[in-house]
Structures are given as C-alpha cells and as structure tokens.
Amino acid sequence: MKRAVRFISLGVIFIAVWLAVILGYVPGAPRDSLFVQIAPILAVAAFGVYSLSIIFYNVATFRTCPKAAEELKKEMAEAKKDLTKRGFVFKTKKNASSSTPSSTTPTTPKRTNKP
C-alpha cells in the first residue's frame, strides 16, 4: 500500500506541475515545447518500464518457502485421499501411456438427446 500511495502522490504532483506549465502559471516555462506537451505520455511509458522491470526482477528472484511447499503437498495428499474415497480413479503413468483404456480409467456415460 505504501508504494501505491507514493506513486499516486508523485502522479498528482506531476500533473499539477505540468498543468501549471501548460496553463502559463509558471513564468518563463516553454509552454510550446514538444517535450512539455508529451510529458504525460513519457511519464506513463516510464511508469510502464519501471513496473515491468520490477515484475521481471521479482520473478527472477522468487524465493521458495519450504514450509509452504510441505503444507501444499500435505493438502494435495489429503485431497487425493478424499477424491479416492468418493470414487475418483487417478490415471497413473502406466495407464496414461497406453492407448487402450484400462479398467482403472474412469469412463463417462454417453448422453443421448431425447425430446
């Protein structure tokens, strides 16, 4: 949240200064300069580049959490046990590689369109 407040504050300050220059409240400022006119577009582009660089950096330095990984594995095992109790049959690597359906592969009944 702190980062969002900082960017919003900087954006409001930037817009206020830009409007002051464009509307002529700042004496001696080059109102007709191309840079001043496209400054908001450049600011949005700079913000996009900054955001992408932060995202790429965070993805590249993603930390692993061993405790969370173990907890997730336990939850997956519990879910698999629960689904097995309810009658779901999981495909194994042996079953998945064969081209013919085996007796452990769940089959879905074919539906007929009756009026």
PDB file of N, CA and C in Angstrom:
ATOM      1  N   MET A   1       0.818  -1.188   0.000  1.00  0.00           N
ATOM      2  CA  MET A   1       0.000   0.000   0.000  1.00  0.00           C
ATOM      3  C   MET A   1       0.866   1.257   0.000  1.00  0.00           C
ATOM      4  N   LYS A   2       1.997   1.194   0.662  1.00  0.00           N
ATOM      5  CA  LYS A   2       2.871   2.357   0.719  1.00  0.00           C
ATOM      6  C   LYS A   2       3.352   2.745  -0.677  1.00  0.00           C
ATOM      7  N   ARG A   3       3.653   1.753  -1.488  1.00  0.00           N
ATOM      8  CA  ARG A   3       4.138   2.019  -2.839  1.00  0.00           C
ATOM      9  C   ARG A   3       3.047   2.673  -3.693  1.00  0.00           C
ATOM     10  N   ALA A   4       1.826   2.219  -3.534  1.00  0.00           N
ATOM     11  CA  ALA A   4       0.719   2.796  -4.296  1.00  0.00           C
ATOM     12  C   ALA A   4       0.491   4.255  -3.905  1.00  0.00           C
ATOM     13  N   VAL A   5       0.536   4.542  -2.613  1.00  0.00           N
ATOM     14  CA  VAL A   5       0.356   5.915  -2.149  1.00  0.00           C
ATOM     15  C   VAL A   5       1.484   6.796  -2.680  1.00  0.00           C
ATOM     16  N   ARG A   6       2.693   6.263  -2.701  1.00  0.00           N
ATOM     17  CA  ARG A   6       3.833   7.031  -3.213  1.00  0.00           C
ATOM     18  C   ARG A   6       3.637   7.354  -4.694  1.00  0.00           C
ATOM     19  N   PHE A   7       3.228   6.378  -5.500  1.00  0.00           N
ATOM     20  CA  PHE A   7       3.037   6.617  -6.933  1.00  0.00           C
ATOM     21  C   PHE A   7       1.869   7.561  -7.199  1.00  0.00           C
ATOM     22  N   ILE A   8       0.802   7.429  -6.431  1.00  0.00           N
ATOM     23  CA  ILE A   8      -0.330   8.342  -6.610  1.00  0.00           C
ATOM     24  C   ILE A   8       0.081   9.763  -6.247  1.00  0.00           C
ATOM     25  N   SER A   9       0.833   9.913  -5.168  1.00  0.00           N
ATOM     26  CA  SER A   9       1.301  11.251  -4.769  1.00  0.00           C
ATOM     27  C   SER A   9       2.203  11.855  -5.834  1.00  0.00           C
ATOM     28  N   LEU A  10       3.130  11.069  -6.344  1.00  0.00           N
ATOM     29  CA  LEU A  10       4.012  11.571  -7.402  1.00  0.00           C
ATOM     30  C   LEU A  10       3.231  11.922  -8.661  1.00  0.00           C
ATOM     31  N   GLY A  11       2.231  11.131  -8.980  1.00  0.00           N
ATOM     32  CA  GLY A  11       1.403  11.412 -10.144  1.00  0.00           C
ATOM     33  C   GLY A  11       0.626  12.712  -9.997  1.00  0.00           C
ATOM     34  N   VAL A  12       0.058  12.939  -8.824  1.00  0.00           N
ATOM     35  CA  VAL A  12      -0.693  14.176  -8.586  1.00  0.00           C
ATOM     36  C   VAL A  12       0.247  15.378  -8.664  1.00  0.00           C
ATOM     37  N   ILE A  13       1.437  15.265  -8.073  1.00  0.00           N
ATOM     38  CA  ILE A  13       2.410  16.361  -8.137  1.00  0.00           C
ATOM     39  C   ILE A  13       2.819  16.616  -9.583  1.00  0.00           C
ATOM     40  N   PHE A  14       3.082  15.558 -10.339  1.00  0.00           N
ATOM     41  CA  PHE A  14       3.478  15.707 -11.738  1.00  0.00           C
ATOM     42  C   PHE A  14       2.390  16.396 -12.550  1.00  0.00           C
ATOM     43  N   ILE A  15       1.151  15.967 -12.362  1.00  0.00           N
ATOM     44  CA  ILE A  15       0.035  16.562 -13.116  1.00  0.00           C
ATOM     45  C   ILE A  15      -0.140  18.027 -12.734  1.00  0.00           C
ATOM     46  N   ALA A  16       0.017  18.345 -11.446  1.00  0.00           N
ATOM     47  CA  ALA A  16      -0.129  19.738 -11.013  1.00  0.00           C
ATOM     48  C   ALA A  16       0.943  20.624 -11.645  1.00  0.00           C
ATOM     49  N   VAL A  17       2.192  20.175 -11.637  1.00  0.00           N
ATOM     50  CA  VAL A  17       3.277  20.961 -12.230  1.00  0.00           C
ATOM     51  C   VAL A  17       3.087  21.072 -13.742  1.00  0.00           C
ATOM     52  N   TRP A  18       2.719  19.990 -14.387  1.00  0.00           N
ATOM     53  CA  TRP A  18       2.521  20.001 -15.835  1.00  0.00           C
ATOM     54  C   TRP A  18       1.402  20.963 -16.229  1.00  0.00           C
ATOM     55  N   LEU A  19       0.285  20.909 -15.496  1.00  0.00           N
ATOM     56  CA  LEU A  19      -0.817  21.826 -15.786  1.00  0.00           C
ATOM     57  C   LEU A  19      -0.411  23.274 -15.546  1.00  0.00           C
ATOM     58  N   ALA A  20       0.369  23.509 -14.501  1.00  0.00           N
ATOM     59  CA  ALA A  20       0.824  24.875 -14.237  1.00  0.00           C
ATOM     60  C   ALA A  20       1.679  25.393 -15.381  1.00  0.00           C
ATOM     61  N   VAL A  21       2.525  24.550 -15.948  1.00  0.00           N
ATOM     62  CA  VAL A  21       3.362  24.963 -17.083  1.00  0.00           C
ATOM     63  C   VAL A  21       2.509  25.160 -18.324  1.00  0.00           C
ATOM     64  N   ILE A  22       1.614  24.236 -18.617  1.00  0.00           N
ATOM     65  CA  ILE A  22       0.781  24.317 -19.818  1.00  0.00           C
ATOM     66  C   ILE A  22      -0.152  25.527 -19.768  1.00  0.00           C
ATOM     67  N   LEU A  23      -0.719  25.817 -18.610  1.00  0.00           N
ATOM     68  CA  LEU A  23      -1.674  26.923 -18.499  1.00  0.00           C
ATOM     69  C   LEU A  23      -1.005  28.280 -18.316  1.00  0.00           C
ATOM     70  N   GLY A  24       0.325  28.306 -18.218  1.00  0.00           N
ATOM     71  CA  GLY A  24       1.050  29.571 -18.167  1.00  0.00           C
ATOM     72  C   GLY A  24       1.230  30.162 -16.788  1.00  0.00           C
ATOM     73  N   TYR A  25       1.029  29.387 -15.740  1.00  0.00           N
ATOM     74  CA  TYR A  25       1.223  29.895 -14.382  1.00  0.00           C
ATOM     75  C   TYR A  25       2.690  29.955 -13.974  1.00  0.00           C
ATOM     76  N   VAL A  26       3.558  29.269 -14.705  1.00  0.00           N
ATOM     77  CA  VAL A  26       4.994  29.289 -14.430  1.00  0.00           C
ATOM     78  C   VAL A  26       5.636  30.223 -15.458  1.00  0.00           C
ATOM     79  N   PRO A  27       6.110  31.416 -15.000  1.00  0.00           N
ATOM     80  CA  PRO A  27       6.698  32.353 -15.963  1.00  0.00           C
ATOM     81  C   PRO A  27       8.023  31.831 -16.511  1.00  0.00           C
ATOM     82  N   GLY A  28       8.220  32.028 -17.790  1.00  0.00           N
ATOM     83  CA  GLY A  28       9.465  31.629 -18.439  1.00  0.00           C
ATOM     84  C   GLY A  28       9.531  30.160 -18.827  1.00  0.00           C
ATOM     85  N   ALA A  29       8.486  29.390 -18.543  1.00  0.00           N
ATOM     86  CA  ALA A  29       8.468  27.975 -18.906  1.00  0.00           C
ATOM     87  C   ALA A  29       8.099  27.833 -20.374  1.00  0.00           C
ATOM     88  N   PRO A  30       8.743  26.918 -21.084  1.00  0.00           N
ATOM     89  CA  PRO A  30       8.462  26.740 -22.522  1.00  0.00           C
ATOM     90  C   PRO A  30       7.159  25.971 -22.739  1.00  0.00           C
ATOM     91  N   ARG A  31       6.038  26.674 -22.829  1.00  0.00           N
ATOM     92  CA  ARG A  31       4.720  26.038 -22.994  1.00  0.00           C
ATOM     93  C   ARG A  31       4.589  25.311 -24.324  1.00  0.00           C
ATOM     94  N   ASP A  32       5.217  25.847 -25.347  1.00  0.00           N
ATOM     95  CA  ASP A  32       5.056  25.288 -26.684  1.00  0.00           C
ATOM     96  C   ASP A  32       6.077  24.197 -27.000  1.00  0.00           C
ATOM     97  N   SER A  33       6.890  23.841 -26.049  1.00  0.00           N
ATOM     98  CA  SER A  33       7.904  22.809 -26.270  1.00  0.00           C
ATOM     99  C   SER A  33       7.231  21.453 -26.466  1.00  0.00           C
ATOM    100  N   LEU A  34       7.756  20.690 -27.410  1.00  0.00           N
ATOM    101  CA  LEU A  34       7.206  19.362 -27.676  1.00  0.00           C
ATOM    102  C   LEU A  34       7.359  18.461 -26.447  1.00  0.00           C
ATOM    103  N   PHE A  35       8.486  18.592 -25.750  1.00  0.00           N
ATOM    104  CA  PHE A  35       8.718  17.777 -24.554  1.00  0.00           C
ATOM    105  C   PHE A  35       7.654  18.043 -23.488  1.00  0.00           C
ATOM    106  N   VAL A  36       7.320  19.306 -23.282  1.00  0.00           N
ATOM    107  CA  VAL A  36       6.308  19.652 -22.284  1.00  0.00           C
ATOM    108  C   VAL A  36       4.946  19.107 -22.704  1.00  0.00           C
ATOM    109  N   GLN A  37       4.655  19.139 -23.971  1.00  0.00           N
ATOM    110  CA  GLN A  37       3.353  18.684 -24.441  1.00  0.00           C
ATOM    111  C   GLN A  37       3.183  17.174 -24.333  1.00  0.00           C
ATOM    112  N   ILE A  38       4.249  16.408 -24.565  1.00  0.00           N
ATOM    113  CA  ILE A  38       4.121  14.947 -24.497  1.00  0.00           C
ATOM    114  C   ILE A  38       4.656  14.376 -23.187  1.00  0.00           C
ATOM    115  N   ALA A  39       4.919  15.222 -22.210  1.00  0.00           N
ATOM    116  CA  ALA A  39       5.443  14.758 -20.922  1.00  0.00           C
ATOM    117  C   ALA A  39       4.541  13.720 -20.251  1.00  0.00           C
ATOM    118  N   PRO A  40       3.213  13.861 -20.266  1.00  0.00           N
ATOM    119  CA  PRO A  40       2.381  12.813 -19.641  1.00  0.00           C
ATOM    120  C   PRO A  40       2.528  11.453 -20.326  1.00  0.00           C
ATOM    121  N   ILE A  41       2.664  11.462 -21.640  1.00  0.00           N
ATOM    122  CA  ILE A  41       2.838  10.190 -22.357  1.00  0.00           C
ATOM    123  C   ILE A  41       4.170   9.560 -21.974  1.00  0.00           C
ATOM    124  N   LEU A  42       5.206  10.376 -21.870  1.00  0.00           N
ATOM    125  CA  LEU A  42       6.514   9.865 -21.459  1.00  0.00           C
ATOM    126  C   LEU A  42       6.482   9.361 -20.022  1.00  0.00           C
ATOM    127  N   ALA A  43       5.740  10.041 -19.165  1.00  0.00           N
ATOM    128  CA  ALA A  43       5.634   9.601 -17.771  1.00  0.00           C
ATOM    129  C   ALA A  43       4.936   8.246 -17.668  1.00  0.00           C
ATOM    130  N   VAL A  44       3.877   8.058 -18.435  1.00  0.00           N
ATOM    131  CA  VAL A  44       3.169   6.763 -18.424  1.00  0.00           C
ATOM    132  C   VAL A  44       4.078   5.662 -18.976  1.00  0.00           C
ATOM    133  N   ALA A  45       4.827   5.960 -20.030  1.00  0.00           N
ATOM    134  CA  ALA A  45       5.757   4.976 -20.591  1.00  0.00           C
ATOM    135  C   ALA A  45       6.857   4.636 -19.587  1.00  0.00           C
ATOM    136  N   ALA A  46       7.379   5.638 -18.895  1.00  0.00           N
ATOM    137  CA  ALA A  46       8.411   5.389 -17.886  1.00  0.00           C
ATOM    138  C   ALA A  46       7.854   4.549 -16.742  1.00  0.00           C
ATOM    139  N   PHE A  47       6.613   4.823 -16.338  1.00  0.00           N
ATOM    140  CA  PHE A  47       5.987   4.026 -15.289  1.00  0.00           C
ATOM    141  C   PHE A  47       5.806   2.576 -15.743  1.00  0.00           C
ATOM    142  N   GLY A  48       5.429   2.371 -16.996  1.00  0.00           N
ATOM    143  CA  GLY A  48       5.288   1.009 -17.528  1.00  0.00           C
ATOM    144  C   GLY A  48       6.605   0.258 -17.552  1.00  0.00           C
ATOM    145  N   VAL A  49       7.678   0.940 -17.973  1.00  0.00           N
ATOM    146  CA  VAL A  49       9.003   0.304 -17.984  1.00  0.00           C
ATOM    147  C   VAL A  49       9.431  -0.043 -16.564  1.00  0.00           C
ATOM    148  N   TYR A  50       9.193   0.872 -15.631  1.00  0.00           N
ATOM    149  CA  TYR A  50       9.534   0.612 -14.234  1.00  0.00           C
ATOM    150  C   TYR A  50       8.744  -0.589 -13.695  1.00  0.00           C
ATOM    151  N   SER A  51       7.455  -0.617 -13.978  1.00  0.00           N
ATOM    152  CA  SER A  51       6.613  -1.719 -13.495  1.00  0.00           C
ATOM    153  C   SER A  51       7.058  -3.054 -14.064  1.00  0.00           C
ATOM    154  N   LEU A  52       7.353  -3.103 -15.361  1.00  0.00           N
ATOM    155  CA  LEU A  52       7.820  -4.351 -15.969  1.00  0.00           C
ATOM    156  C   LEU A  52       9.158  -4.794 -15.386  1.00  0.00           C
ATOM    157  N   SER A  53      10.051  -3.845 -15.149  1.00  0.00           N
ATOM    158  CA  SER A  53      11.350  -4.214 -14.582  1.00  0.00           C
ATOM    159  C   SER A  53      11.188  -4.758 -13.170  1.00  0.00           C
ATOM    160  N   ILE A  54      10.285  -4.181 -12.380  1.00  0.00           N
ATOM    161  CA  ILE A  54      10.036  -4.697 -11.027  1.00  0.00           C
ATOM    162  C   ILE A  54       9.437  -6.100 -11.097  1.00  0.00           C
ATOM    163  N   ILE A  55       8.513  -6.324 -12.014  1.00  0.00           N
ATOM    164  CA  ILE A  55       7.900  -7.652 -12.159  1.00  0.00           C
ATOM    165  C   ILE A  55       8.951  -8.673 -12.572  1.00  0.00           C
ATOM    166  N   PHE A  56       9.768  -8.356 -13.577  1.00  0.00           N
ATOM    167  CA  PHE A  56      10.803  -9.292 -14.018  1.00  0.00           C
ATOM    168  C   PHE A  56      11.818  -9.571 -12.912  1.00  0.00           C
ATOM    169  N   TYR A  57      12.192  -8.547 -12.158  1.00  0.00           N
ATOM    170  CA  TYR A  57      13.136  -8.742 -11.061  1.00  0.00           C
ATOM    171  C   TYR A  57      12.543  -9.661  -9.995  1.00  0.00           C
ATOM    172  N   ASN A  58      11.280  -9.431  -9.624  1.00  0.00           N
ATOM    173  CA  ASN A  58      10.653 -10.267  -8.600  1.00  0.00           C
ATOM    174  C   ASN A  58      10.463 -11.703  -9.067  1.00  0.00           C
ATOM    175  N   VAL A  59      10.185 -11.900 -10.349  1.00  0.00           N
ATOM    176  CA  VAL A  59      10.069 -13.260 -10.866  1.00  0.00           C
ATOM    177  C   VAL A  59      11.435 -13.944 -10.872  1.00  0.00           C
ATOM    178  N   ALA A  60      12.480 -13.201 -11.235  1.00  0.00           N
ATOM    179  CA  ALA A  60      13.827 -13.775 -11.290  1.00  0.00           C
ATOM    180  C   ALA A  60      14.360 -14.118  -9.910  1.00  0.00           C
ATOM    181  N   THR A  61      13.963 -13.380  -8.888  1.00  0.00           N
ATOM    182  CA  THR A  61      14.475 -13.617  -7.535  1.00  0.00           C
ATOM    183  C   THR A  61      13.406 -14.208  -6.632  1.00  0.00           C
ATOM    184  N   PHE A  62      12.498 -14.974  -7.203  1.00  0.00           N
ATOM    185  CA  PHE A  62      11.405 -15.570  -6.436  1.00  0.00           C
ATOM    186  C   PHE A  62      11.965 -16.516  -5.389  1.00  0.00           C
ATOM    187  N   ARG A  63      11.572 -16.282  -4.151  1.00  0.00           N
ATOM    188  CA  ARG A  63      12.064 -17.114  -3.052  1.00  0.00           C
ATOM    189  C   ARG A  63      11.144 -18.313  -2.863  1.00  0.00           C
ATOM    190  N   THR A  64      11.742 -19.424  -2.504  1.00  0.00           N
ATOM    191  CA  THR A  64      10.951 -20.609  -2.218  1.00  0.00           C
ATOM    192  C   THR A  64      10.660 -20.663  -0.731  1.00  0.00           C
ATOM    193  N   CYS A  65       9.551 -21.248  -0.390  1.00  0.00           N
ATOM    194  CA  CYS A  65       9.140 -21.383   1.002  1.00  0.00           C
ATOM    195  C   CYS A  65       8.980 -22.867   1.292  1.00  0.00           C
ATOM    196  N   PRO A  66       9.993 -23.494   1.904  1.00  0.00           N
ATOM    197  CA  PRO A  66       9.921 -24.939   2.143  1.00  0.00           C
ATOM    198  C   PRO A  66       8.726 -25.341   3.010  1.00  0.00           C
ATOM    199  N   LYS A  67       8.392 -24.542   4.014  1.00  0.00           N
ATOM    200  CA  LYS A  67       7.258 -24.887   4.884  1.00  0.00           C
ATOM    201  C   LYS A  67       5.954 -24.852   4.098  1.00  0.00           C
ATOM    202  N   ALA A  68       5.795 -23.841   3.263  1.00  0.00           N
ATOM    203  CA  ALA A  68       4.575 -23.741   2.456  1.00  0.00           C
ATOM    204  C   ALA A  68       4.502 -24.875   1.447  1.00  0.00           C
ATOM    205  N   ALA A  69       5.649 -25.271   0.890  1.00  0.00           N
ATOM    206  CA  ALA A  69       5.665 -26.379  -0.069  1.00  0.00           C
ATOM    207  C   ALA A  69       5.247 -27.686   0.607  1.00  0.00           C
ATOM    208  N   GLU A  70       5.734 -27.925   1.815  1.00  0.00           N
ATOM    209  CA  GLU A  70       5.346 -29.140   2.548  1.00  0.00           C
ATOM    210  C   GLU A  70       3.856 -29.113   2.893  1.00  0.00           C
ATOM    211  N   GLU A  71       3.355 -27.959   3.301  1.00  0.00           N
ATOM    212  CA  GLU A  71       1.943 -27.837   3.626  1.00  0.00           C
ATOM    213  C   GLU A  71       1.082 -28.084   2.383  1.00  0.00           C
ATOM    214  N   LEU A  72       1.514 -27.566   1.242  1.00  0.00           N
ATOM    215  CA  LEU A  72       0.779 -27.783  -0.003  1.00  0.00           C
ATOM    216  C   LEU A  72       0.786 -29.260  -0.388  1.00  0.00           C
ATOM    217  N   LYS A  73       1.923 -29.940  -0.225  1.00  0.00           N
ATOM    218  CA  LYS A  73       1.982 -31.375  -0.531  1.00  0.00           C
ATOM    219  C   LYS A  73       1.036 -32.169   0.358  1.00  0.00           C
ATOM    220  N   LYS A  74       0.963 -31.794   1.646  1.00  0.00           N
ATOM    221  CA  LYS A  74       0.045 -32.485   2.554  1.00  0.00           C
ATOM    222  C   LYS A  74      -1.400 -32.265   2.133  1.00  0.00           C
ATOM    223  N   GLU A  75      -1.736 -31.025   1.768  1.00  0.00           N
ATOM    224  CA  GLU A  75      -3.100 -30.735   1.335  1.00  0.00           C
ATOM    225  C   GLU A  75      -3.451 -31.479   0.048  1.00  0.00           C
ATOM    226  N   MET A  76      -2.477 -31.616  -0.856  1.00  0.00           N
ATOM    227  CA  MET A  76      -2.718 -32.360  -2.095  1.00  0.00           C
ATOM    228  C   MET A  76      -2.946 -33.840  -1.795  1.00  0.00           C
ATOM    229  N   ALA A  77      -2.179 -34.391  -0.864  1.00  0.00           N
ATOM    230  CA  ALA A  77      -2.360 -35.799  -0.500  1.00  0.00           C
ATOM    231  C   ALA A  77      -3.726 -36.005   0.145  1.00  0.00           C
ATOM    232  N   GLU A  78      -4.147 -35.072   1.005  1.00  0.00           N
ATOM    233  CA  GLU A  78      -5.464 -35.183   1.634  1.00  0.00           C
ATOM    234  C   GLU A  78      -6.573 -35.101   0.587  1.00  0.00           C
ATOM    235  N   ALA A  79      -6.423 -34.202  -0.370  1.00  0.00           N
ATOM    236  CA  ALA A  79      -7.434 -34.070  -1.421  1.00  0.00           C
ATOM    237  C   ALA A  79      -7.489 -35.337  -2.272  1.00  0.00           C
ATOM    238  N   LYS A  80      -6.334 -35.925  -2.548  1.00  0.00           N
ATOM    239  CA  LYS A  80      -6.308 -37.158  -3.344  1.00  0.00           C
ATOM    240  C   LYS A  80      -6.994 -38.288  -2.590  1.00  0.00           C
ATOM    241  N   LYS A  81      -6.749 -38.396  -1.281  1.00  0.00           N
ATOM    242  CA  LYS A  81      -7.409 -39.429  -0.477  1.00  0.00           C
ATOM    243  C   LYS A  81      -8.915 -39.213  -0.466  1.00  0.00           C
ATOM    244  N   ASP A  82      -9.337 -37.961  -0.318  1.00  0.00           N
ATOM    245  CA  ASP A  82     -10.764 -37.660  -0.283  1.00  0.00           C
ATOM    246  C   ASP A  82     -11.429 -38.000  -1.614  1.00  0.00           C
ATOM    247  N   LEU A  83     -10.773 -37.651  -2.721  1.00  0.00           N
ATOM    248  CA  LEU A  83     -11.338 -37.968  -4.029  1.00  0.00           C
ATOM    249  C   LEU A  83     -11.375 -39.469  -4.267  1.00  0.00           C
ATOM    250  N   THR A  84     -10.362 -40.186  -3.796  1.00  0.00           N
ATOM    251  CA  THR A  84     -10.342 -41.642  -3.937  1.00  0.00           C
ATOM    252  C   THR A  84     -11.501 -42.259  -3.158  1.00  0.00           C
ATOM    253  N   LYS A  85     -11.783 -41.740  -1.955  1.00  0.00           N
ATOM    254  CA  LYS A  85     -12.913 -42.230  -1.167  1.00  0.00           C
ATOM    255  C   LYS A  85     -14.233 -42.010  -1.889  1.00  0.00           C
ATOM    256  N   ARG A  86     -14.315 -40.922  -2.652  1.00  0.00           N
ATOM    257  CA  ARG A  86     -15.548 -40.596  -3.356  1.00  0.00           C
ATOM    258  C   ARG A  86     -15.680 -41.333  -4.686  1.00  0.00           C
ATOM    259  N   GLY A  87     -14.676 -42.143  -5.042  1.00  0.00           N
ATOM    260  CA  GLY A  87     -14.795 -42.978  -6.223  1.00  0.00           C
ATOM    261  C   GLY A  87     -14.004 -42.512  -7.432  1.00  0.00           C
ATOM    262  N   PHE A  88     -13.241 -41.462  -7.302  1.00  0.00           N
ATOM    263  CA  PHE A  88     -12.443 -40.990  -8.431  1.00  0.00           C
ATOM    264  C   PHE A  88     -11.210 -41.869  -8.569  1.00  0.00           C
ATOM    265  N   VAL A  89     -10.905 -42.267  -9.801  1.00  0.00           N
ATOM    266  CA  VAL A  89      -9.739 -43.101 -10.058  1.00  0.00           C
ATOM    267  C   VAL A  89      -8.716 -42.257 -10.816  1.00  0.00           C
ATOM    268  N   PHE A  90      -7.526 -42.147 -10.259  1.00  0.00           N
ATOM    269  CA  PHE A  90      -6.470 -41.349 -10.878  1.00  0.00           C
ATOM    270  C   PHE A  90      -5.724 -42.171 -11.912  1.00  0.00           C
ATOM    271  N   LYS A  91      -5.343 -41.535 -12.991  1.00  0.00           N
ATOM    272  CA  LYS A  91      -4.529 -42.195 -14.004  1.00  0.00           C
ATOM    273  C   LYS A  91      -3.092 -42.239 -13.512  1.00  0.00           C
ATOM    274  N   THR A  92      -2.462 -43.346 -13.712  1.00  0.00           N
ATOM    275  CA  THR A  92      -1.042 -43.450 -13.395  1.00  0.00           C
ATOM    276  C   THR A  92      -0.255 -43.284 -14.681  1.00  0.00           C
ATOM    277  N   LYS A  93       1.042 -43.177 -14.554  1.00  0.00           N
ATOM    278  CA  LYS A  93       1.873 -43.020 -15.749  1.00  0.00           C
ATOM    279  C   LYS A  93       1.740 -44.236 -16.658  1.00  0.00           C
ATOM    280  N   LYS A  94       1.588 -45.397 -16.070  1.00  0.00           N
ATOM    281  CA  LYS A  94       1.440 -46.614 -16.851  1.00  0.00           C
ATOM    282  C   LYS A  94       0.137 -46.569 -17.649  1.00  0.00           C
ATOM    283  N   ASN A  95      -0.951 -46.111 -17.012  1.00  0.00           N
ATOM    284  CA  ASN A  95      -2.246 -46.041 -17.698  1.00  0.00           C
ATOM    285  C   ASN A  95      -2.277 -44.923 -18.730  1.00  0.00           C
ATOM    286  N   ALA A  96      -1.611 -43.852 -18.458  1.00  0.00           N
ATOM    287  CA  ALA A  96      -1.652 -42.712 -19.365  1.00  0.00           C
ATOM    288  C   ALA A  96      -0.900 -42.996 -20.661  1.00  0.00           C
ATOM    289  N   SER A  97       0.115 -43.860 -20.606  1.00  0.00           N
ATOM    290  CA  SER A  97       0.906 -44.121 -21.803  1.00  0.00           C
ATOM    291  C   SER A  97       0.252 -45.152 -22.723  1.00  0.00           C
ATOM    292  N   SER A  98      -0.657 -45.960 -22.206  1.00  0.00           N
ATOM    293  CA  SER A  98      -1.284 -46.964 -23.057  1.00  0.00           C
ATOM    294  C   SER A  98      -2.377 -46.313 -23.899  1.00  0.00           C
ATOM    295  N   SER A  99      -2.576 -46.849 -25.079  1.00  0.00           N
ATOM    296  CA  SER A  99      -3.557 -46.266 -25.990  1.00  0.00           C
ATOM    297  C   SER A  99      -4.959 -46.802 -25.737  1.00  0.00           C
ATOM    298  N   THR A 100      -5.075 -47.975 -25.113  1.00  0.00           N
ATOM    299  CA  THR A 100      -6.395 -48.522 -24.846  1.00  0.00           C
ATOM    300  C   THR A 100      -6.797 -48.192 -23.422  1.00  0.00           C
ATOM    301  N   PRO A 101      -8.049 -47.897 -23.217  1.00  0.00           N
ATOM    302  CA  PRO A 101      -8.474 -47.594 -21.860  1.00  0.00           C
ATOM    303  C   PRO A 101      -8.416 -48.841 -20.989  1.00  0.00           C
ATOM    304  N   SER A 102      -7.910 -48.688 -19.805  1.00  0.00           N
ATOM    305  CA  SER A 102      -7.817 -49.825 -18.888  1.00  0.00           C
ATOM    306  C   SER A 102      -9.018 -49.809 -17.957  1.00  0.00           C
ATOM    307  N   SER A 103      -9.086 -50.802 -17.101  1.00  0.00           N
ATOM    308  CA  SER A 103     -10.220 -50.896 -16.198  1.00  0.00           C
ATOM    309  C   SER A 103     -10.169 -49.818 -15.119  1.00  0.00           C
ATOM    310  N   THR A 104      -8.996 -49.211 -14.885  1.00  0.00           N
ATOM    311  CA  THR A 104      -8.892 -48.181 -13.853  1.00  0.00           C
ATOM    312  C   THR A 104      -9.181 -46.790 -14.393  1.00  0.00           C
ATOM    313  N   THR A 105      -9.302 -46.654 -15.699  1.00  0.00           N
ATOM    314  CA  THR A 105      -9.582 -45.351 -16.293  1.00  0.00           C
ATOM    315  C   THR A 105     -11.069 -45.070 -16.179  1.00  0.00           C
ATOM    316  N   PRO A 106     -11.439 -43.921 -15.572  1.00  0.00           N
ATOM    317  CA  PRO A 106     -12.864 -43.635 -15.457  1.00  0.00           C
ATOM    318  C   PRO A 106     -13.456 -43.320 -16.825  1.00  0.00           C
ATOM    319  N   THR A 107     -14.647 -43.827 -17.045  1.00  0.00           N
ATOM    320  CA  THR A 107     -15.324 -43.564 -18.312  1.00  0.00           C
ATOM    321  C   THR A 107     -16.574 -42.759 -18.028  1.00  0.00           C
ATOM    322  N   THR A 108     -16.929 -41.931 -18.951  1.00  0.00           N
ATOM    323  CA  THR A 108     -18.145 -41.139 -18.800  1.00  0.00           C
ATOM    324  C   THR A 108     -19.220 -41.735 -19.684  1.00  0.00           C
ATOM    325  N   PRO A 109     -20.434 -41.815 -19.175  1.00  0.00           N
ATOM    326  CA  PRO A 109     -21.512 -42.370 -19.997  1.00  0.00           C
ATOM    327  C   PRO A 109     -21.859 -41.411 -21.116  1.00  0.00           C
ATOM    328  N   LYS A 110     -22.232 -41.983 -22.264  1.00  0.00           N
ATOM    329  CA  LYS A 110     -22.616 -41.165 -23.405  1.00  0.00           C
ATOM    330  C   LYS A 110     -24.052 -40.699 -23.210  1.00  0.00           C
ATOM    331  N   ARG A 111     -24.253 -39.436 -23.536  1.00  0.00           N
ATOM    332  CA  ARG A 111     -25.574 -38.859 -23.374  1.00  0.00           C
ATOM    333  C   ARG A 111     -26.329 -38.914 -24.704  1.00  0.00           C
ATOM    334  N   THR A 112     -27.597 -39.156 -24.591  1.00  0.00           N
ATOM    335  CA  THR A 112     -28.438 -39.148 -25.782  1.00  0.00           C
ATOM    336  C   THR A 112     -29.400 -37.986 -25.661  1.00  0.00           C
ATOM    337  N   ASN A 113     -29.688 -37.378 -26.773  1.00  0.00           N
ATOM    338  CA  ASN A 113     -30.621 -36.259 -26.798  1.00  0.00           C
ATOM    339  C   ASN A 113     -32.016 -36.758 -27.053  1.00  0.00           C
ATOM    340  N   LYS A 114     -32.762 -36.924 -26.000  1.00  0.00           N
ATOM    341  CA  LYS A 114     -34.146 -37.379 -26.111  1.00  0.00           C
ATOM    342  C   LYS A 114     -35.067 -36.198 -25.926  1.00  0.00           C
ATOM    343  N   PRO A 115     -36.118 -36.106 -26.741  1.00  0.00           N
ATOM    344  CA  PRO A 115     -37.052 -34.980 -26.591  1.00  0.00           C
ATOM    345  C   PRO A 115     -37.946 -35.127 -25.405  1.00  0.00           C
TER     346      PRO A 115
END
